[in-house]
């Protein structure tokens, strides 16, 4: 894992706000000890969950989106370190592995233009280099018997999550995606809008359920593609559930779970499905934070859960005085996942 930048105990101390009479996650979470072999420590560490960051927005730029998702990891780890360690959720169940070194790729796109045909091809090639690294790291985490909690970055990283997990499990896996968009667009070169379609085409993704599609932002070609393969790909729309009330939120979660529960599955969360959350495709309408938390709680309880991926949050696109709120939201979702998953 040459491209992994480990998160050290010194790094953790710098982001932890110590307070007398309290115990923060940052005082209990594990990091890789100095001069220790990463894979060996992964296998021996008592923590069940491994936190891994992907600070990039290249896949978003390659999909003609607004950059900014590269800033989510730093914001998230600061908030996670300052969660209270108590009876409800314990910091020693979490190992902070570190983040992917994307500096080379991020520097390469500084002077590139998505509208330039030559540059567009280069964008896709850079995303593919990130794909390889993400899938390799996720493979090693899952192969060590741990559950990755991945903080993006763009939704292009769904591909690496799925591929790495499938290789570790030695079989194709399923995925449930809480998202305003399908990210199942045509195979036109890698970007944040086709991670799932590439994973499905290459045999790593077996069944895929998209929860809460926004009808006005889903191309006809994608809807036609989903309909042709409804035995493997299913979805509902936000408008069916919360606008027209044709379907019920709780019943749709049950339907989605029945669809994916036969195999190991990953939980994908795109923060652009939540109103007013700064992201590359920010929306003013969508499910509430409370509904998202209920969704994570529901799908995290099963023993077949193999990873959690939270992506597309972009603190750099928020107001300066409130750019810490994305990190706080991600921290809340991470602990919701841990609490529910440990109930089994």
Protein backbone atom coordinates (compact mmCIF):
# COMPACT_ATOMS: atom_id res chain seq x y z
CA UNK A 1 0.00 0.00 0.00
CA UNK A 2 2.62 2.44 -1.20
CA UNK A 3 0.18 5.30 -1.79
CA UNK A 4 -1.24 5.16 1.75
CA UNK A 5 -0.29 8.04 4.04
CA UNK A 6 -0.75 6.58 7.55
CA UNK A 7 -2.50 8.65 10.19
CA UNK A 8 -0.12 8.77 13.17
CA UNK A 9 -0.68 9.14 16.88
CA UNK A 10 0.79 12.65 16.59
CA UNK A 11 -1.71 13.50 13.84
CA UNK A 12 -4.51 12.26 16.09
CA UNK A 13 -3.29 14.30 19.07
CA UNK A 14 -3.27 17.47 16.95
CA UNK A 15 -6.96 17.18 16.00
CA UNK A 16 -8.24 16.02 19.41
CA UNK A 17 -9.57 18.73 21.73
CA UNK A 18 -8.81 17.34 25.18
CA UNK A 19 -11.11 18.34 28.04
CA UNK A 20 -10.89 17.42 31.71
CA UNK A 21 -13.57 14.94 32.78
CA UNK A 22 -14.29 13.75 29.22
CA UNK A 23 -12.94 10.99 26.99
CA UNK A 24 -12.85 11.72 23.27
CA UNK A 25 -12.63 9.24 20.40
CA UNK A 26 -9.21 10.69 19.66
CA UNK A 27 -7.95 9.34 22.99
CA UNK A 28 -9.12 5.81 22.22
CA UNK A 29 -8.91 5.27 18.47
CA UNK A 30 -6.06 3.17 17.12
CA UNK A 31 -3.43 4.30 14.64
CA UNK A 32 -0.69 2.24 12.99
CA UNK A 33 2.29 2.29 15.41
CA UNK A 34 5.58 3.63 14.09
CA UNK A 35 7.82 1.01 12.45
CA UNK A 36 4.95 -1.51 12.42
CA UNK A 37 3.96 -3.46 9.32
CA UNK A 38 0.50 -2.20 8.27
CA UNK A 39 -1.08 -5.49 7.20
CA UNK A 40 0.04 -7.33 10.33
CA UNK A 41 -1.38 -4.62 12.58
CA UNK A 42 -4.64 -4.58 10.59
CA UNK A 43 -5.16 -8.26 11.34
CA UNK A 44 -4.17 -8.12 15.01
CA UNK A 45 -5.85 -4.87 16.05
CA UNK A 46 -9.00 -5.29 18.16
CA UNK A 47 -10.86 -2.53 16.28
CA UNK A 48 -13.66 -3.80 14.04
CA UNK A 49 -13.77 -0.74 11.75
CA UNK A 50 -11.03 0.90 9.68
CA UNK A 51 -11.33 4.57 8.73
CA UNK A 52 -9.82 5.47 5.36
CA UNK A 53 -9.90 8.81 3.50
CA UNK A 54 -9.73 9.61 -0.21
CA UNK A 55 -9.09 13.36 -0.56
CA UNK A 56 -9.75 13.93 -4.26
CA UNK A 57 -12.24 15.56 -6.60
CA UNK A 58 -10.81 14.37 -9.92
CA UNK A 59 -13.72 12.02 -10.59
CA UNK A 60 -16.12 14.89 -9.93
CA UNK A 61 -14.24 17.19 -12.35
CA UNK A 62 -14.20 14.40 -14.93
CA UNK A 63 -18.00 14.31 -14.60
CA UNK A 64 -18.22 18.09 -15.18
CA UNK A 65 -19.01 18.72 -11.50
CA UNK A 66 -17.81 21.39 -9.09
CA UNK A 67 -14.55 20.53 -7.28
CA UNK A 68 -14.39 20.58 -3.49
CA UNK A 69 -14.88 16.99 -2.32
CA UNK A 70 -11.15 16.65 -1.65
CA UNK A 71 -11.66 18.65 1.56
CA UNK A 72 -14.09 16.23 3.25
CA UNK A 73 -11.50 13.89 4.79
CA UNK A 74 -9.72 16.58 6.81
CA UNK A 75 -13.01 17.99 8.07
CA UNK A 76 -14.36 14.55 8.96
CA UNK A 77 -11.36 13.30 10.91
CA UNK A 78 -11.33 16.46 13.05
CA UNK A 79 -14.96 15.88 14.01
CA UNK A 80 -14.65 12.12 14.49
CA UNK A 81 -11.69 12.60 16.87
CA UNK A 82 -13.86 14.76 19.13
CA UNK A 83 -16.87 12.48 19.49
CA UNK A 84 -17.47 11.39 23.08
CA UNK A 85 -16.27 7.87 23.93
CA UNK A 86 -19.09 6.46 26.09
CA UNK A 87 -21.49 3.55 26.54
CA UNK A 88 -23.23 4.26 23.23
CA UNK A 89 -20.18 4.20 20.97
CA UNK A 90 -16.55 3.49 21.73
CA UNK A 91 -13.50 4.93 20.02
CA UNK A 92 -11.45 1.76 20.47
CA UNK A 93 -13.61 0.07 17.85
CA UNK A 94 -12.09 2.32 15.21
CA UNK A 95 -8.64 2.20 13.60
CA UNK A 96 -7.67 5.33 11.67
CA UNK A 97 -5.65 3.91 8.80
CA UNK A 98 -4.92 7.18 6.99
CA UNK A 99 -5.62 8.57 3.54
CA UNK A 100 -4.70 7.91 -0.06
CA UNK A 101 -1.91 10.09 -1.44
CA UNK A 102 -3.64 11.80 -4.37
CA UNK A 103 -1.26 14.77 -4.55
CA UNK A 104 0.22 13.74 -7.89
CA UNK A 105 -3.16 13.34 -9.57
CA UNK A 106 -4.58 16.51 -8.01
CA UNK A 107 -1.60 18.52 -9.25
CA UNK A 108 -2.00 17.06 -12.73
CA UNK A 109 -5.58 18.36 -13.14
CA UNK A 110 -4.83 21.92 -12.04
CA UNK A 111 -4.41 23.16 -15.61
CA UNK A 112 -6.72 20.70 -17.34
CA UNK A 113 -10.05 21.56 -18.96
CA UNK A 114 -12.86 19.00 -18.98
CA UNK A 115 -14.26 20.52 -22.18
CA UNK A 116 -11.02 19.74 -24.01
CA UNK A 117 -11.27 16.30 -25.63
CA UNK A 118 -7.64 15.40 -24.94
CA UNK A 119 -7.87 16.53 -21.32
CA UNK A 120 -11.12 14.62 -20.85
CA UNK A 121 -9.34 11.38 -21.71
CA UNK A 122 -6.56 12.24 -19.25
CA UNK A 123 -9.15 12.84 -16.51
CA UNK A 124 -10.43 9.30 -17.00
CA UNK A 125 -6.94 7.86 -16.90
CA UNK A 126 -6.19 9.66 -13.63
CA UNK A 127 -9.40 8.30 -12.10
CA UNK A 128 -8.30 4.82 -13.12
CA UNK A 129 -5.02 5.24 -11.23
CA UNK A 130 -7.04 6.12 -8.12
CA UNK A 131 -9.33 3.14 -8.77
CA UNK A 132 -6.37 0.77 -8.60
CA UNK A 133 -5.08 2.17 -5.34
CA UNK A 134 -8.51 2.28 -3.67
CA UNK A 135 -9.38 -1.28 -4.65
CA UNK A 136 -6.00 -2.52 -3.39
CA UNK A 137 -6.37 -0.83 0.01
CA UNK A 138 -10.00 -1.91 0.43
CA UNK A 139 -9.02 -5.47 -0.48
CA UNK A 140 -6.42 -5.52 2.28
CA UNK A 141 -8.79 -4.08 4.89
CA UNK A 142 -11.57 -6.56 4.11
CA UNK A 143 -9.12 -9.44 3.75
CA UNK A 144 -7.90 -8.66 7.28
CA UNK A 145 -11.44 -9.27 8.56
CA UNK A 146 -12.26 -5.59 9.12
CA UNK A 147 -15.03 -3.31 7.85
CA UNK A 148 -13.86 -0.22 5.94
CA UNK A 149 -15.47 3.16 6.62
CA UNK A 150 -14.46 5.22 3.61
CA UNK A 151 -14.64 9.02 3.48
CA UNK A 152 -14.50 10.48 -0.05
CA UNK A 153 -13.82 12.13 -2.38
CA UNK A 154 -16.14 11.69 -5.30
CA UNK A 155 -18.55 8.86 -5.95
CA UNK A 156 -16.15 7.47 -8.53
CA UNK A 157 -14.60 5.66 -5.56
CA UNK A 158 -17.61 3.33 -5.33
CA UNK A 159 -15.85 1.30 -8.03
CA UNK A 160 -12.73 0.70 -5.92
CA UNK A 161 -14.81 -0.09 -2.85
CA UNK A 162 -16.85 -2.69 -4.72
CA UNK A 163 -13.93 -4.24 -6.59
CA UNK A 164 -11.69 -4.44 -3.52
CA UNK A 165 -14.44 -5.98 -1.40
CA UNK A 166 -15.46 -8.46 -4.11
CA UNK A 167 -11.87 -9.61 -4.55
CA UNK A 168 -11.48 -10.09 -0.79
CA UNK A 169 -14.78 -11.97 -0.55
CA UNK A 170 -13.91 -13.92 -3.72
CA UNK A 171 -17.34 -13.23 -5.22
CA UNK A 172 -19.41 -10.38 -6.60
CA UNK A 173 -21.15 -8.27 -3.98
CA UNK A 174 -24.33 -6.18 -3.81
CA UNK A 175 -24.68 -2.48 -3.08
CA UNK A 176 -27.35 -0.11 -1.73
CA UNK A 177 -26.87 3.52 -2.78
CA UNK A 178 -28.63 6.44 -1.06
CA UNK A 179 -28.34 8.95 -3.88
CA UNK A 180 -30.12 11.52 -6.00
CA UNK A 181 -28.32 10.07 -9.05
CA UNK A 182 -27.81 6.54 -10.33
CA UNK A 183 -24.07 6.86 -11.10
CA UNK A 184 -24.84 4.15 -13.65
CA UNK A 185 -24.04 6.15 -16.75
CA UNK A 186 -22.45 4.84 -19.94
CA UNK A 187 -18.92 3.41 -20.03
CA UNK A 188 -17.31 6.49 -21.56
CA UNK A 189 -14.15 6.65 -19.43
CA UNK A 190 -14.06 6.75 -15.67
CA UNK A 191 -15.66 9.55 -13.64
CA UNK A 192 -17.94 9.99 -10.63
CA UNK A 193 -21.08 9.19 -12.63
CA UNK A 194 -20.28 5.63 -13.69
CA UNK A 195 -18.56 3.80 -10.84
CA UNK A 196 -21.43 1.34 -10.45
CA UNK A 197 -21.88 0.69 -14.17
CA UNK A 198 -18.17 -0.15 -14.54
CA UNK A 199 -18.27 -2.40 -11.44
CA UNK A 200 -21.33 -4.18 -12.82
CA UNK A 201 -19.89 -4.55 -16.31
CA UNK A 202 -16.68 -6.07 -14.92
CA UNK A 203 -18.51 -8.57 -12.73
CA UNK A 204 -17.75 -7.15 -9.29
CA UNK A 205 -21.27 -5.81 -8.62
CA UNK A 206 -24.10 -8.35 -8.64
CA UNK A 207 -27.23 -6.55 -7.41
CA UNK A 208 -27.59 -2.80 -7.11
CA UNK A 209 -30.41 -0.79 -5.49
CA UNK A 210 -30.58 3.00 -5.89
CA UNK A 211 -32.62 4.63 -3.12
CA UNK A 212 -34.23 8.01 -3.81
CA UNK A 213 -33.38 8.88 -7.41
CA UNK A 214 -34.38 12.41 -8.39
CA UNK A 215 -36.61 11.95 -11.42
CA UNK A 216 -35.67 15.23 -13.14
CA UNK A 217 -31.96 14.43 -13.01
CA UNK A 218 -32.00 10.84 -14.27
CA UNK A 219 -31.44 10.48 -18.05
CA UNK A 220 -33.86 8.40 -20.09
CA UNK A 221 -30.96 6.22 -21.23
CA UNK A 222 -30.19 5.32 -17.60
CA UNK A 223 -33.85 4.55 -16.84
CA UNK A 224 -34.01 2.32 -19.93
CA UNK A 225 -30.82 0.54 -18.88
CA UNK A 226 -32.16 -0.06 -15.37
CA UNK A 227 -35.45 -1.42 -16.73
CA UNK A 228 -33.66 -3.91 -19.00
CA UNK A 229 -31.77 -5.38 -16.06
CA UNK A 230 -34.35 -5.13 -13.26
CA UNK A 231 -33.45 -8.58 -11.92
CA UNK A 232 -30.07 -7.14 -10.93
CA UNK A 233 -30.75 -3.40 -10.72
CA UNK A 234 -33.69 -1.81 -8.92
CA UNK A 235 -34.54 1.67 -7.69
CA UNK A 236 -37.15 4.00 -6.28
CA UNK A 237 -37.44 7.78 -6.59
CA UNK A 238 -37.56 10.55 -4.04
CA UNK A 239 -40.73 11.89 -5.63
CA UNK A 240 -42.53 8.54 -5.31
CA UNK A 241 -41.77 8.47 -1.58
CA UNK A 242 -41.88 12.03 -0.27
CA UNK A 243 -43.78 14.05 -2.88
CA UNK A 244 -46.52 11.86 -4.39
CA UNK A 245 -46.59 9.49 -1.39
CA UNK A 246 -47.02 6.48 -3.69
CA UNK A 247 -44.47 4.55 -1.65
CA UNK A 248 -43.49 4.60 2.01
CA UNK A 249 -39.96 5.19 3.26
CA UNK A 250 -39.93 2.27 5.73
CA UNK A 251 -41.54 -0.17 3.30
CA UNK A 252 -39.05 0.80 0.59
CA UNK A 253 -36.14 0.13 2.92
CA UNK A 254 -37.59 -3.32 3.55
CA UNK A 255 -37.98 -3.94 -0.19
CA UNK A 256 -34.43 -2.81 -0.88
CA UNK A 257 -33.03 -4.99 1.89
CA UNK A 258 -34.84 -8.08 0.57
CA UNK A 259 -33.28 -7.37 -2.81
CA UNK A 260 -29.64 -7.17 -1.61
CA UNK A 261 -29.55 -9.35 1.50
CA UNK A 262 -28.58 -12.59 -0.25
CA UNK A 263 -24.91 -11.50 -0.63
CA UNK A 264 -22.34 -9.34 1.13
CA UNK A 265 -23.17 -5.72 0.44
CA UNK A 266 -21.76 -2.23 0.69
CA UNK A 267 -23.60 0.89 1.85
CA UNK A 268 -23.00 3.94 -0.35
CA UNK A 269 -24.06 7.39 0.86
CA UNK A 270 -23.95 10.40 -1.47
CA UNK A 271 -24.37 13.60 0.51
CA UNK A 272 -25.79 15.42 -2.52
CA UNK A 273 -29.07 13.65 -1.73
CA UNK A 274 -29.49 15.89 1.34
CA UNK A 275 -30.77 19.47 0.90
CA UNK A 276 -28.30 22.31 1.47
CA UNK A 277 -25.27 20.07 2.01
CA UNK A 278 -22.39 21.62 0.03
CA UNK A 279 -21.46 19.17 -2.72
CA UNK A 280 -20.61 19.05 -6.41
CA UNK A 281 -24.33 18.64 -7.21
CA UNK A 282 -25.91 20.47 -4.27
CA UNK A 283 -29.71 20.21 -4.03
CA UNK A 284 -32.44 22.23 -2.37
CA UNK A 285 -34.86 19.30 -2.09
CA UNK A 286 -34.42 15.74 -0.87
CA UNK A 287 -34.48 13.43 2.13
CA UNK A 288 -33.76 14.88 5.55
CA UNK A 289 -30.68 14.17 7.64
CA UNK A 290 -32.93 12.25 10.05
CA UNK A 291 -34.15 10.00 7.21
CA UNK A 292 -30.56 9.40 6.13
CA UNK A 293 -29.62 8.43 9.68
CA UNK A 294 -32.58 6.03 9.84
CA UNK A 295 -31.48 4.57 6.50
CA UNK A 296 -27.93 3.94 7.76
CA UNK A 297 -29.23 2.45 11.00
CA UNK A 298 -31.53 0.08 9.11
CA UNK A 299 -29.00 -1.23 6.58
CA UNK A 300 -26.07 -1.42 9.00
CA UNK A 301 -27.56 -4.08 11.26
CA UNK A 302 -27.01 -7.12 9.06
CA UNK A 303 -23.90 -9.30 9.33
CA UNK A 304 -23.38 -9.14 5.54
CA UNK A 305 -22.54 -5.42 5.64
CA UNK A 306 -19.03 -5.14 4.20
CA UNK A 307 -18.29 -1.41 4.07
CA UNK A 308 -19.67 2.11 4.44
CA UNK A 309 -18.77 4.85 1.95
CA UNK A 310 -19.71 8.49 2.57
CA UNK A 311 -18.89 10.75 -0.36
CA UNK A 312 -19.46 13.99 -2.29
CA UNK A 313 -19.45 16.28 0.75
CA UNK A 314 -17.50 19.45 -0.06
CA UNK A 315 -16.62 21.69 2.91
CA UNK A 316 -14.66 23.95 0.56
CA UNK A 317 -17.95 24.89 -1.12
CA UNK A 318 -19.64 25.94 2.13
CA UNK A 319 -19.62 29.24 3.97
CA UNK A 320 -16.28 29.75 5.70
CA UNK A 321 -17.85 30.21 9.13
CA UNK A 322 -19.73 26.89 8.86
CA UNK A 323 -17.39 24.68 6.83
CA UNK A 324 -16.94 22.38 9.85
CA UNK A 325 -20.55 21.19 9.63
CA UNK A 326 -19.88 18.66 6.86
CA UNK A 327 -17.35 16.97 9.13
CA UNK A 328 -19.84 16.91 11.99
CA UNK A 329 -22.49 15.35 9.74
CA UNK A 330 -20.06 12.66 8.52
CA UNK A 331 -19.01 11.92 12.12
CA UNK A 332 -22.65 11.49 13.09
CA UNK A 333 -23.24 9.05 10.22
CA UNK A 334 -20.11 7.08 11.09
CA UNK A 335 -21.27 6.56 14.69
CA UNK A 336 -24.80 5.67 13.53
CA UNK A 337 -23.21 2.94 11.41
CA UNK A 338 -21.03 1.64 14.22
CA UNK A 339 -23.86 1.59 16.77
CA UNK A 340 -26.23 -0.30 14.48
CA UNK A 341 -23.65 -2.73 13.14
CA UNK A 342 -22.53 -3.80 16.60
CA UNK A 343 -26.06 -4.74 17.57
CA UNK A 344 -25.73 -8.04 15.74
